[in-house]
Amino acid sequence: MYFVCTALEIIPSLHLSPDAAVLCLTLGLLLIYLELNRPGLIVPGAIGLLIVLLAIAVLLPLPLSPIGVVLIAAAAGLLLLGLTRQTPLLLAVTATLALIFGFLHLVGRADSPQVHALTATGCGLVLGAGTSLLTHLARRARANKGLDLERARTSRPGVLKS
C-alpha cells in the first residue's frame, strides 16, 4: 500500500527554524541570480526556485510581523528601482539596511523562534549589497556594449587607423 503525501503535509513536519528559512531564501535567490547571469544552465534556476518556495512554505505558518514583511518588500522595491535606472549609493545602502531589519523582525511573536542578528545581517548584506553590485556591473556592461556598437557604426570598414 502506498502513502501519498502532498508538499503541504510534508513541509510542517520539517520543523526548520526561521534562520534556516532565511538562509534557504538567500541561497535560492543567489542560485536564481546565477541563472540570470548565465542563462541556459537551467539547473541553478530550477533548484533556486525550489529552495525559495521551500523557504516561503516554512515561513508562512510562523506568525510573521507586518513590519518585517513591509521592510523586505520595500527593500525589494528599492533594489528593483536600481535595476531600472541609475540610483545613488544611498539607495542601495537603504535597501540593504531594510533587508537586514526586515529579516531581523520577520517573526512577530516573542515566544516563537526568531531570526538571529548574525543570520539577518549576513543574508541582508549578501542580498542587498550583492544585488546592488550585480546591477551596477550589468549597467556598466550595457553602457560599454552601447559604446562599442557606436564605435562600430561610426568607423569606416577597411580603413586602418594609426
Protein backbone atom coordinates (compact mmCIF):
# COMPACT_ATOMS: atom_id res chain seq x y z
CA MET A 1 0.00 0.00 0.00
CA TYR A 2 1.33 3.41 -0.97
CA PHE A 3 1.06 6.56 1.06
CA VAL A 4 0.61 9.71 -0.94
CA CYS A 5 1.61 12.94 0.77
CA THR A 6 1.44 16.40 -0.61
CA ALA A 7 4.11 19.02 -0.08
CA LEU A 8 1.78 20.93 2.25
CA GLU A 9 1.65 17.87 4.54
CA ILE A 10 5.42 17.32 4.50
CA ILE A 11 6.66 20.91 4.97
CA PRO A 12 5.27 21.48 8.50
CA SER A 13 6.93 18.27 9.67
CA LEU A 14 10.38 19.62 8.72
CA HIS A 15 10.50 21.98 11.73
CA LEU A 16 13.04 24.31 10.18
CA SER A 17 13.96 27.37 12.15
CA PRO A 18 13.40 30.87 10.74
CA ASP A 19 17.21 31.14 10.48
CA ALA A 20 17.30 28.11 8.19
CA ALA A 21 14.40 29.50 6.16
CA VAL A 22 16.14 32.87 5.66
CA LEU A 23 19.38 31.10 4.73
CA CYS A 24 17.47 28.91 2.24
CA LEU A 25 15.78 32.01 0.82
CA THR A 26 19.16 33.68 0.35
CA LEU A 27 20.71 30.59 -1.23
CA GLY A 28 17.75 30.16 -3.58
CA LEU A 29 17.89 33.78 -4.70
CA LEU A 30 21.64 33.51 -5.31
CA LEU A 31 21.04 30.46 -7.50
CA ILE A 32 18.39 32.38 -9.42
CA TYR A 33 20.91 35.24 -9.84
CA LEU A 34 23.37 32.71 -11.23
CA GLU A 35 20.78 31.54 -13.74
CA LEU A 36 20.05 35.14 -14.77
CA ASN A 37 23.78 35.81 -15.16
CA ARG A 38 24.43 32.64 -17.18
CA PRO A 39 21.16 31.87 -18.97
CA GLY A 40 20.67 28.41 -20.32
CA LEU A 41 22.10 26.47 -17.39
CA ILE A 42 18.52 25.74 -16.19
CA VAL A 43 19.55 23.64 -13.17
CA PRO A 44 20.61 26.52 -10.83
CA GLY A 45 17.44 28.46 -11.59
CA ALA A 46 15.19 25.45 -11.06
CA ILE A 47 16.90 24.44 -7.82
CA GLY A 48 16.91 28.08 -6.66
CA LEU A 49 13.19 28.43 -7.29
CA LEU A 50 12.53 25.18 -5.42
CA ILE A 51 14.61 26.34 -2.44
CA VAL A 52 12.88 29.76 -2.39
CA LEU A 53 9.46 28.10 -2.44
CA LEU A 54 10.53 25.75 0.37
CA ALA A 55 11.71 28.72 2.45
CA ILE A 56 8.44 30.56 1.88
CA ALA A 57 6.46 27.43 2.81
CA VAL A 58 8.44 27.16 6.06
CA LEU A 59 7.93 30.85 6.89
CA LEU A 60 4.19 31.02 6.16
CA PRO A 61 2.97 29.05 9.23
CA LEU A 62 5.01 31.32 11.53
CA PRO A 63 3.47 34.47 12.99
CA LEU A 64 5.04 36.95 10.57
CA SER A 65 5.39 40.56 11.62
CA PRO A 66 3.84 43.09 9.21
CA ILE A 67 6.77 45.43 9.87
CA GLY A 68 9.29 42.80 8.77
CA VAL A 69 7.31 41.93 5.66
CA VAL A 70 6.91 45.60 4.70
CA LEU A 71 10.64 46.26 5.21
CA ILE A 72 11.57 43.30 2.99
CA ALA A 73 9.04 44.39 0.34
CA ALA A 74 10.38 47.97 0.48
CA ALA A 75 13.94 46.69 0.08
CA ALA A 76 12.90 44.59 -2.90
CA GLY A 77 11.21 47.65 -4.42
CA LEU A 78 14.31 49.79 -3.93
CA LEU A 79 16.52 47.10 -5.46
CA LEU A 80 14.14 46.78 -8.42
CA LEU A 81 14.27 50.56 -8.83
CA GLY A 82 18.04 50.23 -9.05
CA LEU A 83 17.54 47.81 -11.96
CA THR A 84 15.53 50.28 -13.99
CA ARG A 85 17.54 53.49 -13.55
CA GLN A 86 20.73 54.92 -12.19
CA THR A 87 20.31 55.39 -8.44
CA PRO A 88 22.61 56.86 -5.80
CA LEU A 89 24.62 54.65 -3.47
CA LEU A 90 22.47 55.76 -0.55
CA LEU A 91 19.51 53.93 -2.07
CA ALA A 92 21.47 50.65 -2.16
CA VAL A 93 22.57 51.14 1.45
CA THR A 94 18.96 51.88 2.45
CA ALA A 95 17.74 48.74 0.69
CA THR A 96 20.42 46.64 2.39
CA LEU A 97 19.54 48.04 5.82
CA ALA A 98 15.84 47.45 5.13
CA LEU A 99 16.61 43.83 4.28
CA ILE A 100 18.65 43.36 7.45
CA PHE A 101 15.99 44.87 9.73
CA GLY A 102 13.22 43.13 7.79
CA PHE A 103 14.84 39.73 8.31
CA LEU A 104 15.54 40.60 11.95
CA HIS A 105 11.88 41.50 12.64
CA LEU A 106 10.31 38.93 10.32
CA VAL A 107 8.81 36.75 13.06
CA GLY A 108 6.31 38.70 15.14
CA ARG A 109 5.77 36.99 18.48
CA ALA A 110 8.46 36.80 21.14
CA ASP A 111 7.52 33.24 22.17
CA SER A 112 8.18 31.84 18.68
CA PRO A 113 11.68 31.25 17.24
CA GLN A 114 13.31 34.41 15.91
CA VAL A 115 15.82 35.15 13.16
CA HIS A 116 19.16 35.79 14.86
CA ALA A 117 21.01 39.05 14.26
CA LEU A 118 24.02 37.35 12.64
CA THR A 119 21.82 35.49 10.15
CA ALA A 120 19.80 38.62 9.34
CA THR A 121 22.94 40.71 8.87
CA GLY A 122 24.72 38.17 6.71
CA CYS A 123 21.76 37.42 4.47
CA GLY A 124 20.79 41.08 4.22
CA LEU A 125 24.32 42.09 3.25
CA VAL A 126 24.67 39.30 0.70
CA LEU A 127 21.31 40.03 -0.95
CA GLY A 128 21.33 43.83 -0.69
CA ALA A 129 24.94 44.61 -1.49
CA GLY A 130 25.22 41.70 -3.92
CA THR A 131 22.17 42.79 -5.88
CA SER A 132 23.39 46.38 -5.99
CA LEU A 133 26.83 45.28 -7.19
CA LEU A 134 25.41 43.00 -9.88
CA THR A 135 23.08 45.78 -11.04
CA HIS A 136 25.99 48.22 -11.26
CA LEU A 137 28.10 45.74 -13.24
CA ALA A 138 25.24 44.95 -15.62
CA ARG A 139 24.57 48.65 -16.21
CA ARG A 140 28.26 49.29 -16.94
CA ALA A 141 28.45 46.30 -19.32
CA ARG A 142 25.34 47.54 -21.14
CA ALA A 143 26.88 51.00 -21.47
CA ASN A 144 30.16 49.57 -22.77
CA LYS A 145 28.26 47.46 -25.27
CA GLY A 146 26.46 50.57 -26.48
CA LEU A 147 29.78 52.41 -26.85
CA ASP A 148 31.25 49.52 -28.82
CA LEU A 149 28.24 49.46 -31.13
CA GLU A 150 28.50 53.22 -31.62
CA ARG A 151 32.21 52.94 -32.45
CA ALA A 152 31.48 50.14 -34.92
CA ARG A 153 28.83 52.25 -36.67
CA THR A 154 30.99 55.37 -36.92
CA SER A 155 34.19 53.71 -38.07
CA ARG A 156 34.77 53.03 -41.75
CA PRO A 157 35.36 49.40 -42.59
CA GLY A 158 38.63 48.56 -44.24
CA VAL A 159 40.37 51.73 -43.03
CA LEU A 160 43.15 51.26 -40.53
CA LYS A 161 43.64 54.00 -38.01
CA SER A 162 47.14 54.71 -36.80
